C-alpha atoms as a PDB file:
ATOM      1  CA  MET A   1     -85.823 -22.804 -64.155  1.00  0.00           C
ATOM      2  CA  GLU A   2     -84.041 -22.602 -60.821  1.00  0.00           C
ATOM      3  CA  LEU A   3     -85.345 -25.085 -58.265  1.00  0.00           C
ATOM      4  CA  LEU A   4     -84.612 -25.897 -54.639  1.00  0.00           C
ATOM      5  CA  ALA A   5     -85.299 -29.312 -53.093  1.00  0.00           C
ATOM      6  CA  THR A   6     -85.483 -30.044 -49.371  1.00  0.00           C
ATOM      7  CA  PHE A   7     -84.905 -33.465 -47.849  1.00  0.00           C
ATOM      8  CA  TYR A   8     -85.761 -35.440 -44.727  1.00  0.00           C
ATOM      9  CA  THR A   9     -82.135 -36.584 -44.338  1.00  0.00           C
ATOM     10  CA  HIS A  10     -78.673 -35.348 -45.240  1.00  0.00           C
ATOM     11  CA  TYR A  11     -78.075 -38.674 -47.012  1.00  0.00           C
ATOM     12  CA  GLY A  12     -81.061 -38.057 -49.303  1.00  0.00           C
ATOM     13  CA  ALA A  13     -79.700 -34.622 -50.234  1.00  0.00           C
ATOM     14  CA  VAL A  14     -76.267 -36.080 -51.019  1.00  0.00           C
ATOM     15  CA  ARG A  15     -77.817 -38.824 -53.172  1.00  0.00           C
ATOM     16  CA  PHE A  16     -79.918 -36.313 -55.123  1.00  0.00           C
ATOM     17  CA  HIS A  17     -76.906 -34.034 -55.632  1.00  0.00           C
ATOM     18  CA  LYS A  18     -74.963 -37.017 -57.049  1.00  0.00           C
ATOM     19  CA  HIS A  19     -77.968 -37.910 -59.224  1.00  0.00           C
ATOM     20  CA  CYS A  20     -77.913 -34.371 -60.664  1.00  0.00           C
ATOM     21  CA  ALA A  21     -74.176 -34.702 -61.405  1.00  0.00           C
ATOM     22  CA  ARG A  22     -74.721 -38.015 -63.234  1.00  0.00           C
ATOM     23  CA  GLU A  23     -77.509 -36.429 -65.290  1.00  0.00           C
ATOM     24  CA  GLY A  24     -75.422 -33.336 -66.106  1.00  0.00           C
ATOM     25  CA  THR A  25     -77.794 -31.084 -64.159  1.00  0.00           C
ATOM     26  CA  PRO A  26     -76.074 -28.043 -62.604  1.00  0.00           C
ATOM     27  CA  SER A  27     -76.600 -28.264 -58.837  1.00  0.00           C
ATOM     28  CA  LYS A  28     -75.122 -27.344 -55.476  1.00  0.00           C
ATOM     29  CA  MET A  29     -75.811 -28.264 -51.876  1.00  0.00           C
ATOM     30  CA  ALA A  30     -76.652 -25.375 -49.546  1.00  0.00           C
ATOM     31  CA  PRO A  31     -78.241 -24.663 -46.157  1.00  0.00           C
ATOM     32  CA  VAL A  32     -82.052 -24.615 -46.232  1.00  0.00           C
ATOM     33  CA  PRO A  33     -83.331 -21.006 -46.186  1.00  0.00           C
ATOM     34  CA  ARG A  34     -84.871 -20.050 -42.824  1.00  0.00           C
ATOM     35  CA  GLU A  35     -88.325 -19.523 -44.286  1.00  0.00           C
ATOM     36  CA  LEU A  36     -88.437 -23.155 -45.459  1.00  0.00           C
ATOM     37  CA  SER A  37     -88.645 -25.970 -42.963  1.00  0.00           C
ATOM     38  CA  ALA A  38     -86.720 -29.203 -43.483  1.00  0.00           C
ATOM     39  CA  SER A  39     -85.559 -31.926 -41.156  1.00  0.00           C
ATOM     40  CA  CYS A  40     -81.922 -32.147 -42.190  1.00  0.00           C
ATOM     41  CA  GLY A  41     -81.071 -28.468 -42.831  1.00  0.00           C
ATOM     42  CA  VAL A  42     -79.478 -29.150 -46.235  1.00  0.00           C
ATOM     43  CA  CYS A  43     -81.067 -28.479 -49.614  1.00  0.00           C
ATOM     44  CA  VAL A  44     -80.025 -28.872 -53.241  1.00  0.00           C
ATOM     45  CA  ARG A  45     -80.374 -25.922 -55.610  1.00  0.00           C
ATOM     46  CA  PHE A  46     -80.451 -26.975 -59.262  1.00  0.00           C
ATOM     47  CA  GLU A  47     -81.481 -25.989 -62.768  1.00  0.00           C
ATOM     48  CA  ALA A  48     -84.098 -28.059 -64.604  1.00  0.00           C
ATOM     49  CA  ALA A  49     -86.799 -27.636 -67.229  1.00  0.00           C
ATOM     50  CA  TYR A  50     -89.406 -29.065 -64.838  1.00  0.00           C
ATOM     51  CA  ALA A  51     -89.745 -29.920 -61.148  1.00  0.00           C
ATOM     52  CA  PRO A  52     -89.111 -33.553 -60.193  1.00  0.00           C
ATOM     53  CA  VAL A  53     -91.740 -35.656 -58.470  1.00  0.00           C
ATOM     54  CA  ALA A  54     -90.591 -35.934 -54.850  1.00  0.00           C
ATOM     55  CA  ALA A  55     -91.757 -39.566 -54.581  1.00  0.00           C
ATOM     56  CA  GLU A  56     -89.239 -40.505 -57.291  1.00  0.00           C
ATOM     57  CA  HIS A  57     -86.262 -39.401 -55.150  1.00  0.00           C
ATOM     58  CA  GLU A  58     -85.234 -40.900 -51.833  1.00  0.00           C
ATOM     59  CA  ASP A  59     -85.975 -38.671 -48.856  1.00  0.00           C
ATOM     60  CA  MET A  60     -87.046 -35.615 -50.910  1.00  0.00           C
ATOM     61  CA  ASP A  61     -89.450 -33.554 -48.838  1.00  0.00           C
ATOM     62  CA  ARG A  62     -90.516 -30.725 -51.179  1.00  0.00           C
ATOM     63  CA  CYS A  63     -89.391 -28.953 -54.311  1.00  0.00           C
ATOM     64  CA  TYR A  64     -89.692 -25.197 -54.764  1.00  0.00           C
ATOM     65  CA  ALA A  65     -89.302 -22.954 -57.801  1.00  0.00           C
ATOM     66  CA  VAL A  66     -87.077 -19.961 -57.043  1.00  0.00           C
ATOM     67  CA  THR A  67     -88.859 -16.887 -58.401  1.00  0.00           C
ATOM     68  CA  ALA A  68     -87.157 -13.881 -60.011  1.00  0.00           C
ATOM     69  CA  SER A  69     -87.699 -11.980 -56.753  1.00  0.00           C
ATOM     70  CA  GLY A  70     -85.934 -14.729 -54.761  1.00  0.00           C
ATOM     71  CA  GLU A  71     -89.080 -16.188 -53.202  1.00  0.00           C
ATOM     72  CA  TYR A  72     -89.862 -19.911 -53.046  1.00  0.00           C
ATOM     73  CA  ALA A  73     -93.002 -21.239 -54.716  1.00  0.00           C
ATOM     74  CA  PRO A  74     -93.905 -24.876 -53.929  1.00  0.00           C
ATOM     75  CA  THR A  75     -94.152 -27.064 -57.018  1.00  0.00           C
ATOM     76  CA  GLU A  76     -96.360 -30.064 -57.515  1.00  0.00           C
ATOM     77  CA  GLY A  77     -93.663 -31.756 -59.575  1.00  0.00           C
ATOM     78  CA  GLN A  78     -94.101 -33.046 -63.064  1.00  0.00           C
ATOM     79  CA  LYS A  79     -93.461 -36.337 -64.725  1.00  0.00           C
ATOM     80  CA  HIS A  80     -90.944 -36.558 -67.555  1.00  0.00           C
ATOM     81  CA  GLY A  81     -93.737 -36.004 -70.085  1.00  0.00           C
ATOM     82  CA  HIS A  82     -94.295 -32.569 -68.495  1.00  0.00           C
ATOM     83  CA  GLU A  83     -97.812 -33.376 -67.346  1.00  0.00           C
ATOM     84  CA  LYS A  84     -98.788 -32.556 -63.782  1.00  0.00           C
ATOM     85  CA  ALA A  85     -98.438 -35.318 -61.222  1.00  0.00           C
ATOM     86  CA  GLU A  86    -101.672 -36.519 -59.671  1.00  0.00           C
END
């Protein structure tokens, strides 16, 4: 699934991008799409089987699933066991 994460700071986006590289997760940094609001203006687009829990990553604001039509659907994030975060 293609995901997009927004961050409160540029530093948080850089750290998450490096985290993805260490984990072997395909990712790239990009400008935040206009329809999404984020403090730093930089997001990370990445491929993953499930959405990360924002609280587990420094400065992550929100995570969105990129739909087939190119829209952004907010995710609640899931824990590694694939159950919904509460």
